[in-house]
N, C-alpha and C. Protein backbone atom coordinates (compact mmCIF):
# COMPACT_ATOMS: atom_id res chain seq x y z
N MET A 1 150.35 138.57 88.43
CA MET A 1 150.37 137.47 87.50
C MET A 1 150.65 136.16 88.22
N LYS A 2 151.52 136.25 89.22
CA LYS A 2 151.87 135.06 89.98
C LYS A 2 150.65 134.56 90.76
N ARG A 3 149.82 135.48 91.20
CA ARG A 3 148.63 135.12 91.97
C ARG A 3 147.65 134.32 91.09
N TYR A 4 147.49 134.71 89.80
CA TYR A 4 146.61 134.00 88.89
C TYR A 4 147.11 132.58 88.62
N GLY A 5 148.38 132.41 88.54
CA GLY A 5 148.98 131.10 88.32
C GLY A 5 148.71 130.17 89.50
N ILE A 6 148.84 130.70 90.70
CA ILE A 6 148.58 129.89 91.89
C ILE A 6 147.10 129.51 91.96
N CYS A 7 146.21 130.45 91.64
CA CYS A 7 144.75 130.15 91.64
C CYS A 7 144.42 129.09 90.60
N LEU A 8 145.00 129.19 89.42
CA LEU A 8 144.75 128.22 88.36
C LEU A 8 145.25 126.84 88.77
N LEU A 9 146.42 126.77 89.37
CA LEU A 9 146.97 125.51 89.84
C LEU A 9 146.08 124.91 90.93
N LEU A 10 145.58 125.73 91.83
CA LEU A 10 144.71 125.27 92.89
C LEU A 10 143.39 124.73 92.33
N ILE A 11 142.83 125.40 91.34
CA ILE A 11 141.58 124.94 90.71
C ILE A 11 141.79 123.61 89.98
N LEU A 12 142.92 123.47 89.28
CA LEU A 12 143.22 122.21 88.59
C LEU A 12 143.42 121.07 89.58
N ALA A 13 144.08 121.33 90.67
CA ALA A 13 144.30 120.30 91.69
C ALA A 13 142.97 119.88 92.31
N LEU A 14 142.10 120.86 92.57
CA LEU A 14 140.79 120.57 93.14
C LEU A 14 139.94 119.76 92.17
N ALA A 15 139.99 120.10 90.88
CA ALA A 15 139.24 119.35 89.86
C ALA A 15 139.74 117.92 89.77
N ALA A 16 141.06 117.73 89.80
CA ALA A 16 141.63 116.38 89.74
C ALA A 16 141.22 115.57 90.96
N ALA A 17 141.19 116.21 92.12
CA ALA A 17 140.77 115.50 93.34
C ALA A 17 139.31 115.09 93.26
N CYS A 18 138.45 115.96 92.71
CA CYS A 18 137.02 115.62 92.56
C CYS A 18 136.83 114.46 91.59
N ILE A 19 137.54 114.48 90.49
CA ILE A 19 137.44 113.40 89.51
C ILE A 19 137.91 112.08 90.12
N ALA A 20 139.01 112.11 90.85
CA ALA A 20 139.52 110.89 91.48
C ALA A 20 138.54 110.37 92.53
N ALA A 21 137.95 111.27 93.31
CA ALA A 21 136.99 110.84 94.32
C ALA A 21 135.75 110.23 93.67
N GLY A 22 135.29 110.83 92.57
CA GLY A 22 134.14 110.27 91.85
C GLY A 22 134.44 108.91 91.27
N TYR A 23 135.63 108.74 90.73
CA TYR A 23 136.03 107.45 90.17
C TYR A 23 136.04 106.38 91.24
N PHE A 24 136.65 106.65 92.38
CA PHE A 24 136.73 105.65 93.44
C PHE A 24 135.37 105.38 94.09
N ALA A 25 134.51 106.37 94.13
CA ALA A 25 133.17 106.18 94.70
C ALA A 25 132.34 105.27 93.81
N THR A 26 132.42 105.42 92.51
CA THR A 26 131.64 104.57 91.61
C THR A 26 132.27 103.20 91.45
N ARG A 27 133.59 103.12 91.55
CA ARG A 27 134.25 101.83 91.42
C ARG A 27 133.91 100.91 92.58
N THR A 28 133.80 101.41 93.78
CA THR A 28 133.49 100.58 94.93
C THR A 28 132.05 100.12 94.92
N LYS A 29 131.15 100.90 94.32
CA LYS A 29 129.74 100.49 94.22
C LYS A 29 129.57 99.39 93.19
N ALA A 30 130.40 99.37 92.16
CA ALA A 30 130.28 98.38 91.09
C ALA A 30 130.89 97.04 91.48
N GLU A 31 131.77 96.99 92.44
CA GLU A 31 132.43 95.75 92.81
C GLU A 31 131.48 94.67 93.33
N PRO A 32 130.51 94.95 94.21
CA PRO A 32 129.64 93.88 94.68
C PRO A 32 128.85 93.22 93.55
N GLU A 33 128.45 93.97 92.53
CA GLU A 33 127.74 93.37 91.42
C GLU A 33 128.64 92.46 90.61
N SER A 34 129.89 92.85 90.43
CA SER A 34 130.80 92.04 89.63
C SER A 34 131.28 90.81 90.40
N ALA A 35 131.07 90.80 91.72
CA ALA A 35 131.51 89.66 92.53
C ALA A 35 130.59 88.46 92.34
N ILE A 36 129.36 88.67 91.82
CA ILE A 36 128.43 87.57 91.59
C ILE A 36 128.87 86.83 90.34
N SER A 37 129.16 85.54 90.51
CA SER A 37 129.61 84.76 89.36
C SER A 37 128.52 83.78 88.94
N ASN A 38 128.65 83.26 87.75
CA ASN A 38 127.71 82.29 87.18
C ASN A 38 126.29 82.86 87.13
N THR A 39 126.16 84.09 86.79
CA THR A 39 124.85 84.72 86.69
C THR A 39 124.48 84.87 85.23
N THR A 40 123.27 84.42 84.89
CA THR A 40 122.79 84.61 83.53
C THR A 40 121.68 85.63 83.55
N TYR A 41 121.71 86.51 82.60
CA TYR A 41 120.71 87.55 82.50
C TYR A 41 119.80 87.26 81.32
N GLU A 42 118.50 87.46 81.53
CA GLU A 42 117.55 87.25 80.45
C GLU A 42 117.60 88.43 79.49
N THR A 43 117.43 88.12 78.22
CA THR A 43 117.36 89.16 77.22
C THR A 43 116.05 89.01 76.47
N GLU A 44 115.68 90.03 75.77
CA GLU A 44 114.43 89.98 75.03
C GLU A 44 114.57 89.26 73.69
N SER A 45 115.76 89.14 73.21
CA SER A 45 115.94 88.48 71.93
C SER A 45 116.10 86.98 72.15
N VAL A 46 115.58 86.22 71.22
CA VAL A 46 115.66 84.76 71.28
C VAL A 46 116.69 84.33 70.25
N LYS A 47 117.68 83.57 70.68
CA LYS A 47 118.76 83.18 69.80
C LYS A 47 118.51 81.83 69.14
N GLU A 48 117.69 81.01 69.75
CA GLU A 48 117.49 79.67 69.21
C GLU A 48 116.17 79.59 68.46
N ASN A 49 116.11 78.64 67.55
CA ASN A 49 114.86 78.42 66.82
C ASN A 49 113.86 77.72 67.71
N ARG A 50 112.65 78.16 67.63
CA ARG A 50 111.57 77.52 68.39
C ARG A 50 110.66 76.83 67.39
N VAL A 51 110.94 75.58 67.12
CA VAL A 51 110.19 74.82 66.13
C VAL A 51 109.50 73.67 66.84
N VAL A 52 108.27 73.39 66.43
CA VAL A 52 107.55 72.25 66.98
C VAL A 52 108.10 71.00 66.33
N ILE A 53 108.55 70.06 67.15
CA ILE A 53 109.19 68.86 66.62
C ILE A 53 108.16 67.90 66.03
N ASN A 54 107.09 67.67 66.77
CA ASN A 54 106.08 66.72 66.31
C ASN A 54 104.90 67.49 65.72
N GLN A 55 105.10 68.04 64.53
CA GLN A 55 104.09 68.89 63.92
C GLN A 55 102.85 68.10 63.50
N LYS A 56 102.97 66.80 63.30
CA LYS A 56 101.81 66.01 62.89
C LYS A 56 100.78 65.92 64.01
N GLN A 57 101.23 66.00 65.26
CA GLN A 57 100.31 65.88 66.38
C GLN A 57 99.69 67.23 66.77
N VAL A 58 100.23 68.33 66.26
CA VAL A 58 99.71 69.65 66.58
C VAL A 58 98.60 69.99 65.59
N GLU A 59 97.42 70.25 66.11
CA GLU A 59 96.29 70.59 65.25
C GLU A 59 95.78 71.96 65.64
N PRO A 60 95.46 72.78 64.67
CA PRO A 60 94.91 74.09 65.01
C PRO A 60 93.51 73.96 65.61
N ILE A 61 93.20 74.87 66.50
CA ILE A 61 91.88 74.84 67.13
C ILE A 61 90.91 75.55 66.20
N ALA A 62 89.92 74.84 65.75
CA ALA A 62 88.94 75.41 64.85
C ALA A 62 87.81 76.05 65.66
N GLU A 63 87.33 77.17 65.18
CA GLU A 63 86.21 77.81 65.86
C GLU A 63 84.95 77.03 65.52
N THR A 64 84.23 76.65 66.54
CA THR A 64 83.04 75.83 66.34
C THR A 64 81.80 76.67 66.11
N GLY A 65 81.86 77.95 66.40
CA GLY A 65 80.70 78.80 66.20
C GLY A 65 79.73 78.74 67.37
N LEU A 66 80.03 77.90 68.36
CA LEU A 66 79.14 77.79 69.51
C LEU A 66 79.32 78.96 70.47
N GLU A 67 80.50 79.55 70.45
CA GLU A 67 80.77 80.62 71.39
C GLU A 67 80.55 81.96 70.71
N GLN A 68 79.66 82.75 71.27
CA GLN A 68 79.40 84.09 70.77
C GLN A 68 79.53 85.07 71.92
N PHE A 69 79.77 86.31 71.57
CA PHE A 69 79.96 87.34 72.58
C PHE A 69 79.01 88.49 72.34
N TYR A 70 78.58 89.09 73.43
CA TYR A 70 77.56 90.13 73.41
C TYR A 70 78.16 91.39 74.01
N LEU A 71 78.31 92.43 73.20
CA LEU A 71 78.86 93.70 73.64
C LEU A 71 77.71 94.64 73.94
N VAL A 72 77.65 95.14 75.17
CA VAL A 72 76.53 95.97 75.57
C VAL A 72 77.01 97.04 76.54
N SER A 73 76.28 98.15 76.58
CA SER A 73 76.60 99.24 77.49
C SER A 73 75.79 99.08 78.76
N GLU A 74 76.49 99.09 79.89
CA GLU A 74 75.83 99.07 81.19
C GLU A 74 76.49 100.13 82.06
N THR A 75 75.72 100.95 82.68
CA THR A 75 76.16 102.06 83.53
C THR A 75 77.17 102.96 82.82
N GLY A 76 76.98 103.13 81.51
CA GLY A 76 77.82 104.05 80.75
C GLY A 76 79.12 103.47 80.23
N PHE A 77 79.42 102.22 80.57
CA PHE A 77 80.66 101.58 80.10
C PHE A 77 80.31 100.30 79.36
N LEU A 78 81.22 99.87 78.49
CA LEU A 78 80.98 98.68 77.67
C LEU A 78 81.45 97.42 78.39
N LEU A 79 80.62 96.39 78.34
CA LEU A 79 80.94 95.09 78.90
C LEU A 79 80.76 94.04 77.82
N VAL A 80 81.55 92.98 77.89
CA VAL A 80 81.42 91.86 76.97
C VAL A 80 80.93 90.67 77.76
N PHE A 81 79.77 90.14 77.36
CA PHE A 81 79.17 88.97 78.00
C PHE A 81 79.36 87.76 77.11
N SER A 82 79.33 86.59 77.72
CA SER A 82 79.37 85.36 76.92
C SER A 82 77.98 85.10 76.36
N GLN A 83 77.81 83.99 75.70
CA GLN A 83 76.56 83.69 75.00
C GLN A 83 75.36 83.61 75.94
N ASP A 84 75.58 83.20 77.19
CA ASP A 84 74.45 83.10 78.12
C ASP A 84 73.98 84.45 78.66
N GLN A 85 74.64 85.53 78.32
CA GLN A 85 74.33 86.91 78.69
C GLN A 85 74.33 87.16 80.19
N SER A 86 74.94 86.27 80.96
CA SER A 86 75.04 86.50 82.40
C SER A 86 76.49 86.48 82.88
N THR A 87 77.38 85.84 82.13
CA THR A 87 78.79 85.76 82.50
C THR A 87 79.55 86.89 81.82
N ILE A 88 80.17 87.74 82.62
CA ILE A 88 80.95 88.85 82.06
C ILE A 88 82.34 88.33 81.69
N CYS A 89 82.69 88.49 80.42
CA CYS A 89 84.00 88.04 79.93
C CYS A 89 85.04 89.15 79.98
N LEU A 90 84.61 90.40 79.83
CA LEU A 90 85.57 91.48 79.74
C LEU A 90 84.95 92.79 80.19
N TYR A 91 85.60 93.44 81.13
CA TYR A 91 85.26 94.81 81.52
C TYR A 91 86.14 95.73 80.68
N THR A 92 85.55 96.50 79.79
CA THR A 92 86.38 97.30 78.89
C THR A 92 86.79 98.66 79.47
N HIS A 93 86.03 99.21 80.37
CA HIS A 93 86.29 100.54 80.93
C HIS A 93 86.28 101.62 79.85
N ILE A 94 85.61 101.32 78.74
CA ILE A 94 85.47 102.30 77.66
C ILE A 94 84.11 102.95 77.80
N PRO A 95 84.06 104.27 77.96
CA PRO A 95 82.76 104.93 78.09
C PRO A 95 82.01 104.94 76.77
N ILE A 96 80.71 104.85 76.84
CA ILE A 96 79.89 104.84 75.63
C ILE A 96 79.94 106.18 74.92
N THR A 97 80.32 107.23 75.64
CA THR A 97 80.39 108.56 75.03
C THR A 97 81.52 108.68 74.02
N ASP A 98 82.43 107.71 73.95
CA ASP A 98 83.51 107.72 72.95
C ASP A 98 83.01 107.33 71.57
N PHE A 99 81.76 106.87 71.46
CA PHE A 99 81.21 106.38 70.21
C PHE A 99 80.24 107.40 69.62
N PRO A 100 80.00 107.36 68.30
CA PRO A 100 79.01 108.24 67.69
C PRO A 100 77.60 107.90 68.19
N GLU A 101 76.65 108.82 68.03
CA GLU A 101 75.27 108.64 68.52
C GLU A 101 74.64 107.37 67.98
N LYS A 102 74.81 107.11 66.69
CA LYS A 102 74.20 105.93 66.07
C LYS A 102 74.71 104.64 66.71
N GLU A 103 76.03 104.59 66.95
CA GLU A 103 76.61 103.41 67.57
C GLU A 103 76.22 103.31 69.05
N GLN A 104 76.04 104.45 69.71
CA GLN A 104 75.61 104.41 71.11
C GLN A 104 74.26 103.74 71.24
N ASP A 105 73.34 104.01 70.29
CA ASP A 105 72.03 103.36 70.32
C ASP A 105 72.16 101.85 70.12
N ARG A 106 73.02 101.45 69.17
CA ARG A 106 73.25 100.01 68.94
C ARG A 106 73.84 99.34 70.18
N LEU A 107 74.77 100.04 70.84
CA LEU A 107 75.44 99.45 72.01
C LEU A 107 74.50 99.36 73.20
N ARG A 108 73.56 100.27 73.31
CA ARG A 108 72.58 100.17 74.40
C ARG A 108 71.70 98.94 74.22
N GLU A 109 71.40 98.61 72.95
CA GLU A 109 70.61 97.41 72.66
C GLU A 109 71.46 96.15 72.78
N GLY A 110 72.74 96.26 72.43
CA GLY A 110 73.66 95.12 72.46
C GLY A 110 73.98 94.63 71.07
N ILE A 111 75.23 94.25 70.85
CA ILE A 111 75.69 93.76 69.55
C ILE A 111 76.31 92.38 69.75
N TRP A 112 75.92 91.43 68.91
CA TRP A 112 76.49 90.08 68.95
C TRP A 112 77.70 89.99 68.04
N PHE A 113 78.71 89.25 68.50
CA PHE A 113 79.93 89.01 67.72
C PHE A 113 80.24 87.52 67.75
N PRO A 114 80.73 86.95 66.63
CA PRO A 114 81.03 85.52 66.58
C PRO A 114 82.28 85.12 67.36
N SER A 115 83.20 86.05 67.59
CA SER A 115 84.42 85.71 68.33
C SER A 115 84.90 86.93 69.11
N MET A 116 85.75 86.68 70.07
CA MET A 116 86.31 87.77 70.87
C MET A 116 87.21 88.65 70.01
N MET A 117 87.83 88.07 69.00
CA MET A 117 88.68 88.86 68.11
C MET A 117 87.84 89.89 67.36
N GLU A 118 86.64 89.53 66.98
CA GLU A 118 85.74 90.48 66.31
C GLU A 118 85.37 91.63 67.24
N VAL A 119 85.18 91.33 68.53
CA VAL A 119 84.89 92.37 69.51
C VAL A 119 86.06 93.33 69.60
N PHE A 120 87.27 92.79 69.66
CA PHE A 120 88.46 93.63 69.74
C PHE A 120 88.61 94.51 68.50
N HIS A 121 88.34 93.95 67.33
CA HIS A 121 88.44 94.73 66.09
C HIS A 121 87.42 95.87 66.09
N TYR A 122 86.22 95.57 66.54
CA TYR A 122 85.18 96.60 66.60
C TYR A 122 85.57 97.72 67.55
N LEU A 123 86.03 97.36 68.74
CA LEU A 123 86.42 98.37 69.73
C LEU A 123 87.60 99.19 69.24
N GLU A 124 88.55 98.53 68.60
CA GLU A 124 89.73 99.22 68.11
C GLU A 124 89.37 100.22 67.01
N SER A 125 88.38 99.87 66.18
CA SER A 125 88.03 100.75 65.09
C SER A 125 87.40 102.05 65.58
N TYR A 126 86.79 102.03 66.76
CA TYR A 126 86.18 103.25 67.27
C TYR A 126 87.00 103.97 68.32
N THR A 127 87.95 103.30 68.94
CA THR A 127 88.71 103.94 70.01
C THR A 127 90.10 104.38 69.59
N SER A 128 90.57 104.00 68.40
CA SER A 128 91.91 104.43 68.00
C SER A 128 91.88 105.74 67.29
């Protein structure tokens, strides 16, 4: 019985020593970070109001209708061209095989959209 008591005491002492060593090991690693003073950390939340002061001078940008976009399949992937059909505006990396057969035929011919937002809505409706 005395032998079990000594073993238990030895195990408790060893556990206490491990806990103390762990505490001191982590405490010394944390000290250099706490030594930096006057440090501000960015957060994702915004605490202040972001209001435009001179709202009379801010005008929304109206769509003029001059800019159109052309969605077409080339080499099996969808590309978005500007109105001149030579400037690539967006590489989508979306394979044409993700679309139904009927839409694949339309995409091979090319589809015109009045705005880039319309292109995004179209792509989202078939890829989500």
